[in-house]
N, C-alpha and C. Protein backbone atom coordinates (compact mmCIF):
# COMPACT_ATOMS: atom_id res chain seq x y z
N MET A 1 44.68 80.00 5.48
CA MET A 1 43.82 79.01 4.86
C MET A 1 43.55 77.89 5.85
N GLY A 2 42.30 77.50 5.95
CA GLY A 2 41.89 76.48 6.91
C GLY A 2 42.39 75.09 6.56
N LYS A 3 42.73 74.36 7.57
CA LYS A 3 43.17 72.99 7.43
C LYS A 3 41.97 72.05 7.54
N ARG A 4 41.89 71.08 6.67
CA ARG A 4 40.81 70.11 6.73
C ARG A 4 41.10 69.05 7.78
N ILE A 5 40.10 68.78 8.59
CA ILE A 5 40.18 67.72 9.58
C ILE A 5 38.91 66.88 9.49
N THR A 6 38.82 65.83 10.27
CA THR A 6 37.61 65.03 10.30
C THR A 6 36.82 65.37 11.57
N GLN A 7 35.56 65.05 11.56
CA GLN A 7 34.71 65.28 12.73
C GLN A 7 35.25 64.51 13.92
N TYR A 8 35.82 63.38 13.69
CA TYR A 8 36.30 62.52 14.77
C TYR A 8 37.56 63.06 15.46
N GLU A 9 38.18 64.06 14.87
CA GLU A 9 39.38 64.68 15.47
C GLU A 9 39.03 65.84 16.38
N LEU A 10 37.77 66.21 16.49
CA LEU A 10 37.40 67.41 17.23
C LEU A 10 37.83 67.41 18.68
N SER A 11 37.66 66.30 19.38
CA SER A 11 38.03 66.27 20.79
C SER A 11 39.54 66.47 20.95
N HIS A 12 40.32 66.01 19.99
CA HIS A 12 41.77 66.24 20.00
C HIS A 12 42.07 67.75 19.97
N TYR A 13 41.33 68.51 19.16
CA TYR A 13 41.58 69.95 19.04
C TYR A 13 41.16 70.69 20.29
N ARG A 14 40.13 70.22 20.98
CA ARG A 14 39.76 70.83 22.26
C ARG A 14 40.92 70.70 23.26
N ARG A 15 41.52 69.52 23.31
CA ARG A 15 42.65 69.30 24.23
C ARG A 15 43.89 70.08 23.76
N LYS A 16 44.15 70.05 22.47
CA LYS A 16 45.35 70.71 21.92
C LYS A 16 45.33 72.22 22.17
N TYR A 17 44.16 72.82 22.11
CA TYR A 17 44.03 74.27 22.25
C TYR A 17 43.23 74.64 23.50
N GLU A 18 43.41 73.90 24.58
CA GLU A 18 42.58 74.09 25.78
C GLU A 18 42.70 75.49 26.38
N ASP A 19 43.79 76.19 26.17
CA ASP A 19 43.95 77.51 26.76
C ASP A 19 43.57 78.64 25.78
N GLN A 20 42.96 78.28 24.66
CA GLN A 20 42.53 79.29 23.69
C GLN A 20 41.01 79.28 23.58
N ILE A 21 40.47 80.36 23.07
CA ILE A 21 39.01 80.46 22.88
C ILE A 21 38.68 79.85 21.53
N LEU A 22 37.96 78.72 21.57
CA LEU A 22 37.54 78.03 20.36
C LEU A 22 36.13 78.45 19.98
N VAL A 23 35.96 78.79 18.73
CA VAL A 23 34.67 79.16 18.20
C VAL A 23 34.27 78.12 17.16
N ALA A 24 33.04 77.63 17.26
CA ALA A 24 32.52 76.68 16.28
C ALA A 24 31.42 77.38 15.48
N ALA A 25 31.38 77.07 14.19
CA ALA A 25 30.34 77.57 13.31
C ALA A 25 29.99 76.43 12.36
N CYS A 26 28.81 76.51 11.75
CA CYS A 26 28.44 75.43 10.84
C CYS A 26 27.46 75.94 9.79
N GLY A 27 27.33 75.15 8.73
CA GLY A 27 26.38 75.50 7.68
C GLY A 27 26.57 74.64 6.46
N CYS A 28 25.65 74.84 5.50
CA CYS A 28 25.72 74.13 4.24
C CYS A 28 26.72 74.79 3.30
N PHE A 29 26.72 76.10 3.27
CA PHE A 29 27.62 76.90 2.43
C PHE A 29 27.54 76.53 0.95
N ASP A 30 26.32 76.25 0.51
CA ASP A 30 26.12 75.93 -0.90
C ASP A 30 25.73 77.24 -1.61
N ILE A 31 26.36 77.50 -2.69
CA ILE A 31 26.31 78.78 -3.38
C ILE A 31 26.79 79.87 -2.42
N PHE A 32 28.07 79.84 -2.16
CA PHE A 32 28.70 80.74 -1.18
C PHE A 32 28.40 82.20 -1.54
N HIS A 33 28.03 83.00 -0.54
CA HIS A 33 27.65 84.40 -0.79
C HIS A 33 28.14 85.31 0.35
N ILE A 34 27.87 86.60 0.24
CA ILE A 34 28.36 87.60 1.18
C ILE A 34 27.90 87.32 2.61
N GLY A 35 26.70 86.80 2.78
CA GLY A 35 26.22 86.47 4.12
C GLY A 35 27.08 85.42 4.79
N HIS A 36 27.52 84.43 4.02
CA HIS A 36 28.42 83.40 4.55
C HIS A 36 29.74 84.03 5.00
N LEU A 37 30.28 84.89 4.16
CA LEU A 37 31.55 85.53 4.48
C LEU A 37 31.44 86.37 5.75
N GLU A 38 30.37 87.15 5.88
CA GLU A 38 30.17 87.96 7.07
C GLU A 38 29.99 87.10 8.32
N TYR A 39 29.26 86.01 8.19
CA TYR A 39 29.06 85.09 9.30
C TYR A 39 30.38 84.50 9.77
N LEU A 40 31.19 83.99 8.86
CA LEU A 40 32.46 83.36 9.24
C LEU A 40 33.49 84.36 9.74
N SER A 41 33.57 85.51 9.12
CA SER A 41 34.54 86.50 9.60
C SER A 41 34.10 87.06 10.95
N GLY A 42 32.80 87.21 11.15
CA GLY A 42 32.30 87.65 12.46
C GLY A 42 32.52 86.60 13.52
N ALA A 43 32.38 85.34 13.16
CA ALA A 43 32.61 84.25 14.11
C ALA A 43 34.08 84.22 14.53
N LYS A 44 34.98 84.39 13.61
CA LYS A 44 36.42 84.38 13.92
C LYS A 44 36.77 85.51 14.90
N ALA A 45 36.10 86.65 14.78
CA ALA A 45 36.38 87.77 15.66
C ALA A 45 36.01 87.51 17.12
N LEU A 46 35.27 86.44 17.37
CA LEU A 46 34.83 86.12 18.73
C LEU A 46 35.87 85.34 19.54
N GLY A 47 36.88 84.81 18.89
CA GLY A 47 37.84 83.97 19.62
C GLY A 47 39.19 83.83 18.93
N ASP A 48 39.92 82.82 19.36
CA ASP A 48 41.26 82.59 18.82
C ASP A 48 41.28 81.69 17.59
N LEU A 49 40.48 80.62 17.63
CA LEU A 49 40.44 79.65 16.54
C LEU A 49 38.99 79.44 16.08
N LEU A 50 38.80 79.39 14.78
CA LEU A 50 37.48 79.12 14.21
C LEU A 50 37.49 77.76 13.54
N LEU A 51 36.62 76.88 14.01
CA LEU A 51 36.43 75.54 13.44
C LEU A 51 35.05 75.51 12.80
N VAL A 52 34.99 75.19 11.51
CA VAL A 52 33.74 75.27 10.77
C VAL A 52 33.31 73.89 10.29
N GLY A 53 32.10 73.50 10.66
CA GLY A 53 31.51 72.27 10.18
C GLY A 53 30.68 72.54 8.93
N VAL A 54 30.85 71.70 7.92
CA VAL A 54 30.12 71.82 6.66
C VAL A 54 29.22 70.59 6.52
N ASN A 55 27.92 70.83 6.33
CA ASN A 55 26.98 69.74 6.18
C ASN A 55 27.32 68.84 5.00
N SER A 56 27.23 67.54 5.18
CA SER A 56 27.41 66.60 4.08
C SER A 56 26.28 66.74 3.07
N ASP A 57 26.51 66.22 1.88
CA ASP A 57 25.48 66.25 0.84
C ASP A 57 24.20 65.55 1.32
N GLU A 58 24.36 64.39 1.97
CA GLU A 58 23.20 63.63 2.45
C GLU A 58 22.42 64.38 3.53
N SER A 59 23.13 65.06 4.44
CA SER A 59 22.40 65.78 5.49
C SER A 59 21.62 66.95 4.89
N ILE A 60 22.16 67.58 3.85
CA ILE A 60 21.43 68.67 3.18
C ILE A 60 20.18 68.10 2.50
N LYS A 61 20.31 66.97 1.87
CA LYS A 61 19.16 66.31 1.23
C LYS A 61 18.08 66.02 2.27
N GLN A 62 18.48 65.54 3.43
CA GLN A 62 17.51 65.25 4.50
C GLN A 62 16.81 66.50 4.99
N MET A 63 17.56 67.60 5.12
CA MET A 63 16.99 68.85 5.65
C MET A 63 16.17 69.62 4.63
N LYS A 64 16.67 69.68 3.40
CA LYS A 64 16.08 70.58 2.42
C LYS A 64 15.32 69.88 1.28
N GLY A 65 15.46 68.57 1.23
CA GLY A 65 14.74 67.82 0.21
C GLY A 65 15.42 67.77 -1.15
N THR A 66 16.58 68.39 -1.26
CA THR A 66 17.32 68.39 -2.52
C THR A 66 18.81 68.39 -2.22
N TYR A 67 19.59 67.86 -3.13
CA TYR A 67 21.03 67.84 -2.94
C TYR A 67 21.61 69.22 -3.22
N PRO A 68 22.76 69.52 -2.62
CA PRO A 68 23.38 70.83 -2.89
C PRO A 68 23.89 70.90 -4.33
N ILE A 69 24.10 72.10 -4.78
CA ILE A 69 24.64 72.31 -6.11
C ILE A 69 26.12 71.92 -6.15
N PHE A 70 26.86 72.31 -5.11
CA PHE A 70 28.29 71.98 -5.03
C PHE A 70 28.49 70.81 -4.07
N SER A 71 29.44 69.95 -4.38
CA SER A 71 29.72 68.78 -3.54
C SER A 71 30.33 69.21 -2.21
N ILE A 72 30.33 68.30 -1.27
CA ILE A 72 30.94 68.57 0.03
C ILE A 72 32.41 68.96 -0.12
N GLN A 73 33.12 68.32 -1.03
CA GLN A 73 34.54 68.64 -1.23
C GLN A 73 34.71 70.07 -1.74
N ASP A 74 33.88 70.49 -2.69
CA ASP A 74 33.96 71.84 -3.23
C ASP A 74 33.57 72.88 -2.16
N ARG A 75 32.52 72.60 -1.40
CA ARG A 75 32.10 73.54 -0.36
C ARG A 75 33.15 73.66 0.73
N MET A 76 33.76 72.54 1.10
CA MET A 76 34.82 72.59 2.10
C MET A 76 36.04 73.36 1.57
N SER A 77 36.36 73.21 0.30
CA SER A 77 37.49 73.94 -0.30
C SER A 77 37.25 75.44 -0.25
N MET A 78 36.01 75.87 -0.55
CA MET A 78 35.70 77.30 -0.51
C MET A 78 35.83 77.85 0.89
N VAL A 79 35.28 77.12 1.87
CA VAL A 79 35.35 77.59 3.26
C VAL A 79 36.80 77.58 3.76
N ALA A 80 37.54 76.53 3.45
CA ALA A 80 38.93 76.41 3.89
C ALA A 80 39.83 77.50 3.30
N ALA A 81 39.45 78.04 2.16
CA ALA A 81 40.27 79.06 1.50
C ALA A 81 40.20 80.42 2.20
N LEU A 82 39.26 80.58 3.10
CA LEU A 82 39.10 81.87 3.78
C LEU A 82 40.13 82.02 4.90
N SER A 83 40.74 83.18 4.97
CA SER A 83 41.78 83.42 5.97
C SER A 83 41.23 83.39 7.40
N CYS A 84 39.94 83.62 7.57
CA CYS A 84 39.35 83.61 8.92
C CYS A 84 39.10 82.21 9.45
N VAL A 85 39.16 81.19 8.61
CA VAL A 85 38.87 79.82 9.01
C VAL A 85 40.16 79.09 9.33
N ASP A 86 40.21 78.52 10.54
CA ASP A 86 41.40 77.77 10.95
C ASP A 86 41.30 76.28 10.60
N TYR A 87 40.11 75.70 10.84
CA TYR A 87 39.89 74.29 10.54
C TYR A 87 38.48 74.12 9.97
N VAL A 88 38.37 73.19 9.02
CA VAL A 88 37.08 72.89 8.42
C VAL A 88 36.92 71.37 8.41
N PHE A 89 35.70 70.93 8.67
CA PHE A 89 35.43 69.50 8.71
C PHE A 89 34.00 69.22 8.24
N PRO A 90 33.78 68.03 7.65
CA PRO A 90 32.41 67.67 7.26
C PRO A 90 31.67 67.08 8.46
N PHE A 91 30.36 67.28 8.50
CA PHE A 91 29.55 66.56 9.47
C PHE A 91 28.32 66.01 8.77
N HIS A 92 27.80 64.92 9.30
CA HIS A 92 26.82 64.13 8.56
C HIS A 92 25.43 64.11 9.14
N ASN A 93 25.22 64.79 10.26
CA ASN A 93 23.90 64.84 10.87
C ASN A 93 23.16 66.11 10.46
N THR A 94 21.85 66.15 10.72
CA THR A 94 21.08 67.34 10.39
C THR A 94 21.19 68.41 11.46
N THR A 95 21.74 68.07 12.63
CA THR A 95 22.03 69.07 13.66
C THR A 95 23.53 69.03 13.95
N PHE A 96 23.99 70.03 14.67
CA PHE A 96 25.41 70.17 15.00
C PHE A 96 25.72 69.63 16.41
N ASP A 97 24.73 68.99 17.05
CA ASP A 97 24.87 68.51 18.43
C ASP A 97 26.11 67.66 18.66
N GLN A 98 26.29 66.64 17.87
CA GLN A 98 27.40 65.71 18.09
C GLN A 98 28.74 66.43 17.99
N CYS A 99 28.86 67.35 17.05
CA CYS A 99 30.11 68.11 16.89
C CYS A 99 30.35 69.01 18.10
N LEU A 100 29.29 69.64 18.60
CA LEU A 100 29.46 70.47 19.80
C LEU A 100 29.88 69.62 20.99
N TRP A 101 29.29 68.46 21.11
CA TRP A 101 29.66 67.54 22.20
C TRP A 101 31.13 67.14 22.08
N GLN A 102 31.59 66.82 20.87
CA GLN A 102 32.97 66.40 20.67
C GLN A 102 33.96 67.52 20.89
N LEU A 103 33.67 68.70 20.35
CA LEU A 103 34.60 69.83 20.43
C LEU A 103 34.48 70.60 21.74
N GLN A 104 33.28 70.76 22.22
CA GLN A 104 32.99 71.59 23.39
C GLN A 104 33.70 72.93 23.30
N PRO A 105 33.35 73.69 22.24
CA PRO A 105 33.99 75.01 22.06
C PRO A 105 33.54 75.97 23.15
N ASN A 106 34.25 77.07 23.26
CA ASN A 106 33.83 78.11 24.19
C ASN A 106 32.60 78.83 23.66
N ILE A 107 32.56 78.97 22.31
CA ILE A 107 31.49 79.74 21.67
C ILE A 107 30.94 78.98 20.46
N PHE A 108 29.64 79.01 20.31
CA PHE A 108 28.97 78.51 19.11
C PHE A 108 28.37 79.71 18.41
N ALA A 109 28.91 80.09 17.27
CA ALA A 109 28.43 81.25 16.51
C ALA A 109 27.27 80.83 15.62
N ARG A 110 26.21 81.61 15.66
CA ARG A 110 25.05 81.34 14.81
C ARG A 110 24.83 82.55 13.91
N GLY A 111 24.29 82.30 12.73
CA GLY A 111 24.10 83.36 11.74
C GLY A 111 22.95 84.28 12.03
N ALA A 112 22.84 85.32 11.22
CA ALA A 112 21.80 86.35 11.39
C ALA A 112 20.40 85.76 11.29
N ASP A 113 20.26 84.62 10.58
CA ASP A 113 18.94 84.00 10.43
C ASP A 113 18.68 82.93 11.48
N ALA A 114 19.41 82.98 12.59
CA ALA A 114 19.33 81.94 13.63
C ALA A 114 17.90 81.73 14.14
N GLU A 115 17.15 82.79 14.37
CA GLU A 115 15.79 82.64 14.90
C GLU A 115 14.89 81.91 13.92
N GLU A 116 15.06 82.15 12.64
CA GLU A 116 14.22 81.50 11.62
C GLU A 116 14.39 80.00 11.62
N LYS A 117 15.61 79.54 11.91
CA LYS A 117 15.95 78.13 11.79
C LYS A 117 15.65 77.31 13.04
N GLY A 118 15.31 77.96 14.14
CA GLY A 118 15.15 77.24 15.40
C GLY A 118 16.50 76.95 16.00
N PHE A 119 16.51 76.21 17.12
CA PHE A 119 17.77 75.96 17.80
C PHE A 119 17.80 74.55 18.40
N PRO A 120 17.99 73.55 17.55
CA PRO A 120 17.98 72.17 18.05
C PRO A 120 19.16 71.83 18.95
N GLU A 121 20.21 72.64 18.94
CA GLU A 121 21.40 72.39 19.75
C GLU A 121 21.33 73.03 21.14
N ALA A 122 20.21 73.63 21.49
CA ALA A 122 20.09 74.36 22.76
C ALA A 122 20.45 73.49 23.96
N HIS A 123 19.96 72.26 24.02
CA HIS A 123 20.25 71.39 25.16
C HIS A 123 21.75 71.13 25.30
N THR A 124 22.41 70.89 24.18
CA THR A 124 23.85 70.61 24.20
C THR A 124 24.64 71.83 24.65
N THR A 125 24.29 73.00 24.14
CA THR A 125 25.03 74.22 24.52
C THR A 125 24.83 74.53 26.00
N GLU A 126 23.64 74.28 26.52
CA GLU A 126 23.39 74.52 27.93
C GLU A 126 24.17 73.51 28.78
N LYS A 127 24.11 72.24 28.39
CA LYS A 127 24.77 71.19 29.15
C LYS A 127 26.28 71.42 29.29
N TYR A 128 26.90 71.84 28.21
CA TYR A 128 28.37 72.01 28.21
C TYR A 128 28.79 73.47 28.40
N LYS A 129 27.83 74.33 28.75
CA LYS A 129 28.12 75.75 29.02
C LYS A 129 28.84 76.43 27.87
N ILE A 130 28.34 76.16 26.66
CA ILE A 130 28.88 76.77 25.45
C ILE A 130 28.12 78.08 25.22
N HIS A 131 28.83 79.17 25.12
CA HIS A 131 28.18 80.46 24.86
C HIS A 131 27.68 80.48 23.42
N VAL A 132 26.45 80.90 23.23
CA VAL A 132 25.86 81.01 21.90
C VAL A 132 25.78 82.48 21.55
N ILE A 133 26.43 82.84 20.43
CA ILE A 133 26.45 84.24 20.01
C ILE A 133 25.95 84.34 18.57
N LYS A 134 24.98 85.19 18.39
CA LYS A 134 24.47 85.46 17.03
C LYS A 134 25.39 86.45 16.35
N VAL A 135 25.79 86.12 15.12
CA VAL A 135 26.69 86.97 14.35
C VAL A 135 25.87 87.65 13.24
N GLY A 136 25.87 88.94 13.24
CA GLY A 136 25.14 89.70 12.21
C GLY A 136 23.76 90.10 12.68
N GLU A 137 23.26 91.16 12.12
CA GLU A 137 21.94 91.67 12.49
C GLU A 137 20.86 91.33 11.49
N ILE A 138 21.21 91.37 10.22
CA ILE A 138 20.21 91.12 9.18
C ILE A 138 20.71 90.09 8.18
N LYS A 139 19.78 89.36 7.63
CA LYS A 139 20.12 88.36 6.62
C LYS A 139 20.21 89.10 5.29
N ARG A 140 21.40 89.17 4.71
CA ARG A 140 21.61 89.91 3.47
C ARG A 140 21.56 89.08 2.21
N ALA A 141 21.67 87.77 2.35
CA ALA A 141 21.68 86.90 1.18
C ALA A 141 21.23 85.52 1.60
N SER A 142 20.88 84.70 0.63
CA SER A 142 20.42 83.35 0.91
C SER A 142 20.75 82.43 -0.25
N SER A 143 21.31 81.28 0.07
CA SER A 143 21.59 80.28 -0.98
C SER A 143 20.29 79.81 -1.60
N SER A 144 19.24 79.68 -0.79
CA SER A 144 17.92 79.24 -1.32
C SER A 144 17.40 80.25 -2.33
N TRP A 145 17.53 81.53 -1.98
CA TRP A 145 17.09 82.57 -2.91
C TRP A 145 17.89 82.50 -4.20
N LEU A 146 19.20 82.35 -4.09
CA LEU A 146 20.06 82.27 -5.28
C LEU A 146 19.71 81.04 -6.13
N ARG A 147 19.44 79.93 -5.46
CA ARG A 147 19.09 78.70 -6.18
C ARG A 147 17.78 78.91 -6.97
N ARG A 148 16.79 79.51 -6.32
CA ARG A 148 15.50 79.78 -7.02
C ARG A 148 15.73 80.71 -8.20
N ARG A 149 16.53 81.72 -8.00
CA ARG A 149 16.80 82.70 -9.06
C ARG A 149 17.50 82.03 -10.25
N LEU A 150 18.50 81.21 -9.96
CA LEU A 150 19.21 80.49 -11.03
C LEU A 150 18.30 79.52 -11.75
N THR A 151 17.47 78.83 -11.02
CA THR A 151 16.57 77.85 -11.61
C THR A 151 15.54 78.55 -12.52
N ASN A 152 15.01 79.68 -12.06
CA ASN A 152 14.04 80.41 -12.90
C ASN A 152 14.68 80.98 -14.15
N GLU A 153 15.92 81.47 -14.05
CA GLU A 153 16.61 82.01 -15.22
C GLU A 153 16.91 80.91 -16.23
N GLU A 154 17.24 79.74 -15.73
CA GLU A 154 17.50 78.59 -16.64
C GLU A 154 16.23 78.25 -17.41
N ARG A 155 15.08 78.33 -16.75
CA ARG A 155 13.81 77.99 -17.40
C ARG A 155 13.45 79.02 -18.48
N LEU A 156 13.89 80.27 -18.28
CA LEU A 156 13.58 81.31 -19.25
C LEU A 156 14.37 81.19 -20.54
N GLN A 157 15.49 80.52 -20.47
CA GLN A 157 16.34 80.43 -21.67
C GLN A 157 15.95 79.30 -22.58
């Protein structure tokens, strides 16, 4: 089960585990689904330790125009409960740049839908020589799709 840490502790973990392969992953993880599980378990397989950043409620509102269904605390609890996750932390920006700069992991794992979302962290990963690896071949599920489905079903009742 993953241990909760703060974003500000990331540089400490880089130093603490300097001889291990650190993998960073991030996401909203709202309405957790099979795609999230495959992404995180695949990310863990890339290295020794998996550190997962979870978007804050406010950053999700900025990116998607709506607040998440589950709070940051609930989403972090779900991610932390996975055996593949070593550390979980909240982050408050709409990109993962600052976290990558602080942690400087060996690998930044991106999900199967990475091309759809663009890559705002490209400059940071190049600057710090962070390997970027896409995990998964196809997008099998989507929180947005689940949200729309739930919203439509609620309207039908």
